[in-house]
Amino acid sequence: MSDPRIIVALDFPDAKQALALTDRLEPGSCRVKVGKELFTAAGPHVVNEIMAKGFEVFLDLKFHDIPSTVSNACKAAAGLGVWMMNIHALGGRRMLSAARQAIPAGTAKLIAVTLLTSMERSDLNEIGLNGDPQEVVQRLALLANDCGLDGVVCSAREAPRLRQIMGKGFCLVTPGIRPVDASMDEQKRVTTPRQAIENGADYLVIGRPITQAADPVSMLKQLNNEIEEGMGFKI
């Protein structure tokens, strides 16, 4: 695949387990995500090791701080050579704009997290965000787009409306993807891979259904096949 749609979430407590899985996977079949757990345990070195194997890395650290701190963090992430990084849209316009200025368009992809897929309306009410999740996600996506970001992280359930509003050039990255017969775990707003592609998602972040499968390679192939069916042509 020239542009793999699946991003395998390497949510492991140490580099050894993450590298063992990447040894079994083909870079052409997926990209990989390094998040807070693995990055905190293993640091930038594990990112370098994974990229040396040929994988493109989504650095999922959800930077959310004052504008200057986020700007400098984004510059450091870009210096690692990652394919994509994210910041949190709830940081507001000044923070989003500072991050965009730090990462020139056309280099690493810069996307914003809208709402975590573990959140539902009752969670939003508790923290004072008005509206249902789809309304809040739409508001934050419009803000990210206005600040020049490349796209957002959103639930695949919100993807159809965002794709309609944002057009084809805006990148939609969707976590909370589960095969039809899989457990939802703590995710609340989930869909299958095929549904996510049909809903307009560009990239699907998939963790446990692959990483905890008896045969991760076969599971990745199965999910890629589902995506091909959803797209209506071979990718």
C-alpha atoms as a PDB file:
ATOM      1  CA  MET A   1       0.000   0.000   0.000  1.00  0.00           C
ATOM      2  CA  SER A   2       1.472   3.345  -0.983  1.00  0.00           C
ATOM      3  CA  ASP A   3      -0.624   5.156   1.617  1.00  0.00           C
ATOM      4  CA  PRO A   4      -1.540   2.743   4.444  1.00  0.00           C
ATOM      5  CA  ARG A   5      -4.775   3.764   6.139  1.00  0.00           C
ATOM      6  CA  ILE A   6      -4.245   1.864   9.393  1.00  0.00           C
ATOM      7  CA  ILE A   7      -2.121   3.369  12.156  1.00  0.00           C
ATOM      8  CA  VAL A   8      -1.245   0.638  14.651  1.00  0.00           C
ATOM      9  CA  ALA A   9      -1.233   2.015  18.195  1.00  0.00           C
ATOM     10  CA  LEU A  10       1.926   0.785  19.925  1.00  0.00           C
ATOM     11  CA  ASP A  11       0.463   1.220  23.408  1.00  0.00           C
ATOM     12  CA  PHE A  12       3.068  -0.822  25.219  1.00  0.00           C
ATOM     13  CA  PRO A  13       4.830  -0.194  28.556  1.00  0.00           C
ATOM     14  CA  ASP A  14       8.328  -0.635  27.113  1.00  0.00           C
ATOM     15  CA  ALA A  15      10.316  -0.479  23.889  1.00  0.00           C
ATOM     16  CA  LYS A  16      10.987  -4.225  23.812  1.00  0.00           C
ATOM     17  CA  GLN A  17       7.342  -5.131  23.223  1.00  0.00           C
ATOM     18  CA  ALA A  18       6.806  -2.332  20.716  1.00  0.00           C
ATOM     19  CA  LEU A  19       9.870  -3.273  18.680  1.00  0.00           C
ATOM     20  CA  ALA A  20       8.970  -6.961  18.795  1.00  0.00           C
ATOM     21  CA  LEU A  21       5.648  -6.173  17.124  1.00  0.00           C
ATOM     22  CA  THR A  22       7.148  -3.882  14.502  1.00  0.00           C
ATOM     23  CA  ASP A  23       9.596  -6.668  13.645  1.00  0.00           C
ATOM     24  CA  ARG A  24       6.579  -8.748  12.570  1.00  0.00           C
ATOM     25  CA  LEU A  25       4.762  -6.036  10.606  1.00  0.00           C
ATOM     26  CA  GLU A  26       5.528  -4.647   7.164  1.00  0.00           C
ATOM     27  CA  PRO A  27       5.938  -0.851   6.908  1.00  0.00           C
ATOM     28  CA  GLY A  28       3.937  -0.904   3.682  1.00  0.00           C
ATOM     29  CA  SER A  29       0.911  -2.380   5.463  1.00  0.00           C
ATOM     30  CA  CYS A  30       0.509   0.239   8.200  1.00  0.00           C
ATOM     31  CA  ARG A  31       1.847   3.258   9.982  1.00  0.00           C
ATOM     32  CA  VAL A  32       2.383   3.234  13.754  1.00  0.00           C
ATOM     33  CA  LYS A  33       1.450   5.456  16.668  1.00  0.00           C
ATOM     34  CA  VAL A  34       3.714   6.190  19.618  1.00  0.00           C
ATOM     35  CA  GLY A  35       1.674   7.579  22.486  1.00  0.00           C
ATOM     36  CA  LYS A  36       2.207   8.796  26.009  1.00  0.00           C
ATOM     37  CA  GLU A  37       2.807   5.402  27.649  1.00  0.00           C
ATOM     38  CA  LEU A  38       5.530   4.212  25.292  1.00  0.00           C
ATOM     39  CA  PHE A  39       7.135   7.629  24.842  1.00  0.00           C
ATOM     40  CA  THR A  40       7.302   8.193  28.606  1.00  0.00           C
ATOM     41  CA  ALA A  41       8.860   4.764  29.132  1.00  0.00           C
ATOM     42  CA  ALA A  42      11.287   4.728  26.216  1.00  0.00           C
ATOM     43  CA  GLY A  43      11.701   8.312  24.983  1.00  0.00           C
ATOM     44  CA  PRO A  44      12.710   9.587  21.545  1.00  0.00           C
ATOM     45  CA  HIS A  45      15.087   6.680  21.047  1.00  0.00           C
ATOM     46  CA  VAL A  46      12.220   4.255  20.399  1.00  0.00           C
ATOM     47  CA  VAL A  47      10.800   6.596  17.767  1.00  0.00           C
ATOM     48  CA  ASN A  48      14.157   6.597  15.991  1.00  0.00           C
ATOM     49  CA  GLU A  49      14.381   2.798  16.145  1.00  0.00           C
ATOM     50  CA  ILE A  50      10.893   2.366  14.716  1.00  0.00           C
ATOM     51  CA  MET A  51      11.541   4.827  11.900  1.00  0.00           C
ATOM     52  CA  ALA A  52      14.813   3.037  11.111  1.00  0.00           C
ATOM     53  CA  LYS A  53      12.680  -0.041  10.333  1.00  0.00           C
ATOM     54  CA  GLY A  54      10.880   1.962   7.657  1.00  0.00           C
ATOM     55  CA  PHE A  55       7.704   2.920   9.529  1.00  0.00           C
ATOM     56  CA  GLU A  56       6.139   6.360   9.462  1.00  0.00           C
ATOM     57  CA  VAL A  57       5.328   7.466  13.014  1.00  0.00           C
ATOM     58  CA  PHE A  58       2.354   9.350  14.382  1.00  0.00           C
ATOM     59  CA  LEU A  59       3.590  10.940  17.627  1.00  0.00           C
ATOM     60  CA  ASP A  60       0.451  11.048  19.752  1.00  0.00           C
ATOM     61  CA  LEU A  61       1.378  13.256  22.720  1.00  0.00           C
ATOM     62  CA  LYS A  62      -1.590  15.665  22.502  1.00  0.00           C
ATOM     63  CA  PHE A  63       0.419  18.766  23.396  1.00  0.00           C
ATOM     64  CA  HIS A  64      -1.741  21.138  25.451  1.00  0.00           C
ATOM     65  CA  ASP A  65       0.012  24.016  27.195  1.00  0.00           C
ATOM     66  CA  ILE A  66       0.763  27.703  26.771  1.00  0.00           C
ATOM     67  CA  PRO A  67       1.517  28.655  23.132  1.00  0.00           C
ATOM     68  CA  SER A  68       5.295  28.993  23.475  1.00  0.00           C
ATOM     69  CA  THR A  69       5.657  25.617  25.206  1.00  0.00           C
ATOM     70  CA  VAL A  70       3.546  23.840  22.585  1.00  0.00           C
ATOM     71  CA  SER A  71       5.428  25.591  19.793  1.00  0.00           C
ATOM     72  CA  ASN A  72       8.768  24.373  21.126  1.00  0.00           C
ATOM     73  CA  ALA A  73       7.437  20.857  21.723  1.00  0.00           C
ATOM     74  CA  CYS A  74       6.202  20.683  18.123  1.00  0.00           C
ATOM     75  CA  LYS A  75       9.612  21.827  16.861  1.00  0.00           C
ATOM     76  CA  ALA A  76      11.239  19.050  18.897  1.00  0.00           C
ATOM     77  CA  ALA A  77       8.798  16.479  17.491  1.00  0.00           C
ATOM     78  CA  ALA A  78       9.449  17.668  13.951  1.00  0.00           C
ATOM     79  CA  GLY A  79      13.170  17.317  14.641  1.00  0.00           C
ATOM     80  CA  LEU A  80      12.623  13.608  15.243  1.00  0.00           C
ATOM     81  CA  GLY A  81      11.321  13.301  11.700  1.00  0.00           C
ATOM     82  CA  VAL A  82       7.856  12.018  12.608  1.00  0.00           C
ATOM     83  CA  TRP A  83       5.163  11.751   9.937  1.00  0.00           C
ATOM     84  CA  MET A  84       2.422  13.276  12.064  1.00  0.00           C
ATOM     85  CA  MET A  85       1.918  14.845  15.502  1.00  0.00           C
ATOM     86  CA  ASN A  86      -1.051  16.169  17.418  1.00  0.00           C
ATOM     87  CA  ILE A  87      -2.013  18.943  19.785  1.00  0.00           C
ATOM     88  CA  HIS A  88      -5.248  19.488  21.703  1.00  0.00           C
ATOM     89  CA  ALA A  89      -7.822  21.792  20.126  1.00  0.00           C
ATOM     90  CA  LEU A  90      -9.044  22.819  23.578  1.00  0.00           C
ATOM     91  CA  GLY A  91      -5.777  24.762  23.920  1.00  0.00           C
ATOM     92  CA  GLY A  92      -7.423  27.510  21.881  1.00  0.00           C
ATOM     93  CA  ARG A  93      -6.600  29.684  18.898  1.00  0.00           C
ATOM     94  CA  ARG A  94      -3.299  31.167  20.100  1.00  0.00           C
ATOM     95  CA  MET A  95      -1.889  27.755  20.950  1.00  0.00           C
ATOM     96  CA  LEU A  96      -3.058  26.205  17.669  1.00  0.00           C
ATOM     97  CA  SER A  97      -1.644  29.075  15.640  1.00  0.00           C
ATOM     98  CA  ALA A  98       1.703  28.940  17.472  1.00  0.00           C
ATOM     99  CA  ALA A  99       1.990  25.236  16.689  1.00  0.00           C
ATOM    100  CA  ARG A 100       1.207  25.848  13.032  1.00  0.00           C
ATOM    101  CA  GLN A 101       3.878  28.526  12.826  1.00  0.00           C
ATOM    102  CA  ALA A 102       6.389  26.136  14.383  1.00  0.00           C
ATOM    103  CA  ILE A 103       5.686  23.372  11.857  1.00  0.00           C
ATOM    104  CA  PRO A 104       5.732  24.627   8.258  1.00  0.00           C
ATOM    105  CA  ALA A 105       2.930  23.255   6.111  1.00  0.00           C
ATOM    106  CA  GLY A 106       4.125  20.380   3.935  1.00  0.00           C
ATOM    107  CA  THR A 107       6.490  18.924   6.553  1.00  0.00           C
ATOM    108  CA  ALA A 108       5.084  16.814   9.402  1.00  0.00           C
ATOM    109  CA  LYS A 109       1.301  16.621   9.479  1.00  0.00           C
ATOM    110  CA  LEU A 110      -0.123  18.684  12.338  1.00  0.00           C
ATOM    111  CA  ILE A 111      -3.556  17.669  13.577  1.00  0.00           C
ATOM    112  CA  ALA A 112      -5.705  18.577  16.565  1.00  0.00           C
ATOM    113  CA  VAL A 113      -7.499  16.310  19.008  1.00  0.00           C
ATOM    114  CA  THR A 114     -11.126  17.384  19.309  1.00  0.00           C
ATOM    115  CA  LEU A 115     -12.768  15.218  21.975  1.00  0.00           C
ATOM    116  CA  LEU A 116     -11.387  11.970  23.344  1.00  0.00           C
ATOM    117  CA  THR A 117     -13.460   9.031  22.096  1.00  0.00           C
ATOM    118  CA  SER A 118     -13.967   7.935  25.708  1.00  0.00           C
ATOM    119  CA  MET A 119     -16.110  11.030  26.329  1.00  0.00           C
ATOM    120  CA  GLU A 120     -19.890  11.250  26.044  1.00  0.00           C
ATOM    121  CA  ARG A 121     -22.430  13.991  26.737  1.00  0.00           C
ATOM    122  CA  SER A 122     -22.456  13.514  30.518  1.00  0.00           C
ATOM    123  CA  ASP A 123     -18.676  14.067  30.566  1.00  0.00           C
ATOM    124  CA  LEU A 124     -19.051  17.288  28.568  1.00  0.00           C
ATOM    125  CA  ASN A 125     -21.710  18.565  30.954  1.00  0.00           C
ATOM    126  CA  GLU A 126     -19.412  18.020  33.932  1.00  0.00           C
ATOM    127  CA  ILE A 127     -16.632  20.138  32.443  1.00  0.00           C
ATOM    128  CA  GLY A 128     -18.931  22.871  31.171  1.00  0.00           C
ATOM    129  CA  LEU A 129     -18.843  22.228  27.414  1.00  0.00           C
ATOM    130  CA  ASN A 130     -22.233  22.961  25.913  1.00  0.00           C
ATOM    131  CA  GLY A 131     -23.759  20.718  23.268  1.00  0.00           C
ATOM    132  CA  ASP A 132     -23.573  17.083  22.331  1.00  0.00           C
ATOM    133  CA  PRO A 133     -20.214  15.558  21.307  1.00  0.00           C
ATOM    134  CA  GLN A 134     -20.793  16.036  17.583  1.00  0.00           C
ATOM    135  CA  GLU A 135     -21.494  19.753  18.019  1.00  0.00           C
ATOM    136  CA  VAL A 136     -18.381  20.257  20.150  1.00  0.00           C
ATOM    137  CA  VAL A 137     -16.210  18.270  17.733  1.00  0.00           C
ATOM    138  CA  GLN A 138     -17.495  20.326  14.811  1.00  0.00           C
ATOM    139  CA  ARG A 139     -16.758  23.594  16.617  1.00  0.00           C
ATOM    140  CA  LEU A 140     -13.215  22.510  17.463  1.00  0.00           C
ATOM    141  CA  ALA A 141     -12.567  21.162  13.956  1.00  0.00           C
ATOM    142  CA  LEU A 142     -13.611  24.483  12.423  1.00  0.00           C
ATOM    143  CA  LEU A 143     -11.219  26.256  14.788  1.00  0.00           C
ATOM    144  CA  ALA A 144      -8.358  23.918  13.872  1.00  0.00           C
ATOM    145  CA  ASN A 145      -9.039  24.435  10.178  1.00  0.00           C
ATOM    146  CA  ASP A 146      -9.155  28.201  10.632  1.00  0.00           C
ATOM    147  CA  CYS A 147      -5.721  28.036  12.284  1.00  0.00           C
ATOM    148  CA  GLY A 148      -4.301  26.185   9.289  1.00  0.00           C
ATOM    149  CA  LEU A 149      -3.933  22.708  10.787  1.00  0.00           C
ATOM    150  CA  ASP A 150      -3.937  19.683   8.496  1.00  0.00           C
ATOM    151  CA  GLY A 151      -6.826  17.886  10.188  1.00  0.00           C
ATOM    152  CA  VAL A 152      -8.273  16.532  13.401  1.00  0.00           C
ATOM    153  CA  VAL A 153      -8.662  13.412  15.461  1.00  0.00           C
ATOM    154  CA  CYS A 154     -12.365  12.602  15.750  1.00  0.00           C
ATOM    155  CA  SER A 155     -14.736   9.701  16.178  1.00  0.00           C
ATOM    156  CA  ALA A 156     -15.723   8.000  12.919  1.00  0.00           C
ATOM    157  CA  ARG A 157     -19.319   8.786  13.868  1.00  0.00           C
ATOM    158  CA  GLU A 158     -18.520  12.472  13.494  1.00  0.00           C
ATOM    159  CA  ALA A 159     -16.546  11.976  10.275  1.00  0.00           C
ATOM    160  CA  PRO A 160     -19.437  12.213   7.741  1.00  0.00           C
ATOM    161  CA  ARG A 161     -20.470  15.674   8.883  1.00  0.00           C
ATOM    162  CA  LEU A 162     -16.882  16.906   9.152  1.00  0.00           C
ATOM    163  CA  ARG A 163     -16.041  15.587   5.696  1.00  0.00           C
ATOM    164  CA  GLN A 164     -19.075  17.396   4.312  1.00  0.00           C
ATOM    165  CA  ILE A 165     -18.100  20.669   5.977  1.00  0.00           C
ATOM    166  CA  MET A 166     -14.313  20.536   5.545  1.00  0.00           C
ATOM    167  CA  GLY A 167     -14.010  18.995   2.092  1.00  0.00           C
ATOM    168  CA  LYS A 168     -11.509  16.434   0.836  1.00  0.00           C
ATOM    169  CA  GLY A 169      -8.273  18.164   1.793  1.00  0.00           C
ATOM    170  CA  PHE A 170      -8.852  18.098   5.570  1.00  0.00           C
ATOM    171  CA  CYS A 171      -7.374  15.001   7.238  1.00  0.00           C
ATOM    172  CA  LEU A 172      -9.656  12.964   9.534  1.00  0.00           C
ATOM    173  CA  VAL A 173      -7.938  10.511  11.877  1.00  0.00           C
ATOM    174  CA  THR A 174     -10.277   8.207  13.756  1.00  0.00           C
ATOM    175  CA  PRO A 175      -9.520   6.147  16.864  1.00  0.00           C
ATOM    176  CA  GLY A 176     -12.144   3.954  18.508  1.00  0.00           C
ATOM    177  CA  ILE A 177     -12.074   1.461  15.629  1.00  0.00           C
ATOM    178  CA  ARG A 178     -13.149  -2.080  16.452  1.00  0.00           C
ATOM    179  CA  PRO A 179     -13.822  -5.159  14.318  1.00  0.00           C
ATOM    180  CA  VAL A 180     -17.480  -6.193  14.352  1.00  0.00           C
ATOM    181  CA  ASP A 181     -17.074  -8.831  17.071  1.00  0.00           C
ATOM    182  CA  ALA A 182     -14.567  -6.964  19.275  1.00  0.00           C
ATOM    183  CA  SER A 183     -14.949  -5.514  22.764  1.00  0.00           C
ATOM    184  CA  MET A 184     -15.479  -1.756  23.018  1.00  0.00           C
ATOM    185  CA  ASP A 185     -13.179  -1.508  26.077  1.00  0.00           C
ATOM    186  CA  GLU A 186     -13.560   2.042  27.473  1.00  0.00           C
ATOM    187  CA  GLN A 187     -14.372   3.622  24.106  1.00  0.00           C
ATOM    188  CA  LYS A 188     -17.843   5.106  23.780  1.00  0.00           C
ATOM    189  CA  ARG A 189     -18.033   6.377  20.192  1.00  0.00           C
ATOM    190  CA  VAL A 190     -16.812   3.465  18.055  1.00  0.00           C
ATOM    191  CA  THR A 191     -17.239   2.059  14.541  1.00  0.00           C
ATOM    192  CA  THR A 192     -15.868  -0.756  12.388  1.00  0.00           C
ATOM    193  CA  PRO A 193     -13.022  -0.104   9.916  1.00  0.00           C
ATOM    194  CA  ARG A 194     -15.300  -0.320   6.898  1.00  0.00           C
ATOM    195  CA  GLN A 195     -17.839   2.051   8.439  1.00  0.00           C
ATOM    196  CA  ALA A 196     -15.086   4.531   9.299  1.00  0.00           C
ATOM    197  CA  ILE A 197     -13.807   4.636   5.703  1.00  0.00           C
ATOM    198  CA  GLU A 198     -17.328   4.932   4.336  1.00  0.00           C
ATOM    199  CA  ASN A 199     -17.883   7.794   6.805  1.00  0.00           C
ATOM    200  CA  GLY A 200     -14.980   9.738   5.310  1.00  0.00           C
ATOM    201  CA  ALA A 201     -12.048   8.893   7.601  1.00  0.00           C
ATOM    202  CA  ASP A 202      -8.551   9.080   6.090  1.00  0.00           C
ATOM    203  CA  TYR A 203      -6.630   7.124   8.724  1.00  0.00           C
ATOM    204  CA  LEU A 204      -7.778   4.661  11.385  1.00  0.00           C
ATOM    205  CA  VAL A 205      -5.952   4.263  14.695  1.00  0.00           C
ATOM    206  CA  ILE A 206      -6.283   0.642  15.813  1.00  0.00           C
ATOM    207  CA  GLY A 207      -4.591  -0.748  18.908  1.00  0.00           C
ATOM    208  CA  ARG A 208      -5.725  -3.747  20.930  1.00  0.00           C
ATOM    209  CA  PRO A 209      -7.617  -5.552  18.131  1.00  0.00           C
ATOM    210  CA  ILE A 210      -4.221  -5.873  16.412  1.00  0.00           C
ATOM    211  CA  THR A 211      -1.648  -5.731  19.208  1.00  0.00           C
ATOM    212  CA  GLN A 212      -3.469  -8.261  21.419  1.00  0.00           C
ATOM    213  CA  ALA A 213      -4.546 -10.565  18.601  1.00  0.00           C
ATOM    214  CA  ALA A 214      -3.243 -14.130  18.567  1.00  0.00           C
ATOM    215  CA  ASP A 215      -1.845 -13.346  15.109  1.00  0.00           C
ATOM    216  CA  PRO A 216      -1.366  -9.573  14.691  1.00  0.00           C
ATOM    217  CA  VAL A 217      -0.147  -9.927  11.095  1.00  0.00           C
ATOM    218  CA  SER A 218      -3.275 -11.816  10.015  1.00  0.00           C
ATOM    219  CA  MET A 219      -5.523  -9.398  11.882  1.00  0.00           C
ATOM    220  CA  LEU A 220      -3.888  -6.412  10.187  1.00  0.00           C
ATOM    221  CA  LYS A 221      -4.380  -8.073   6.809  1.00  0.00           C
ATOM    222  CA  GLN A 222      -8.038  -8.767   7.617  1.00  0.00           C
ATOM    223  CA  LEU A 223      -8.631  -5.151   8.624  1.00  0.00           C
ATOM    224  CA  ASN A 224      -6.860  -3.837   5.529  1.00  0.00           C
ATOM    225  CA  ASN A 225      -9.155  -6.035   3.444  1.00  0.00           C
ATOM    226  CA  GLU A 226     -12.185  -4.545   5.214  1.00  0.00           C
ATOM    227  CA  ILE A 227     -10.907  -1.073   4.377  1.00  0.00           C
ATOM    228  CA  GLU A 228     -10.399  -1.975   0.722  1.00  0.00           C
ATOM    229  CA  GLU A 229     -14.006  -3.130   0.570  1.00  0.00           C
ATOM    230  CA  GLY A 230     -15.158   0.098   2.191  1.00  0.00           C
ATOM    231  CA  MET A 231     -13.237   2.198  -0.282  1.00  0.00           C
ATOM    232  CA  GLY A 232     -14.559   0.226  -3.221  1.00  0.00           C
ATOM    233  CA  PHE A 233     -11.114  -0.266  -4.734  1.00  0.00           C
ATOM    234  CA  LYS A 234      -7.740  -1.673  -3.756  1.00  0.00           C
ATOM    235  CA  ILE A 235      -5.436   0.666  -1.843  1.00  0.00           C
END
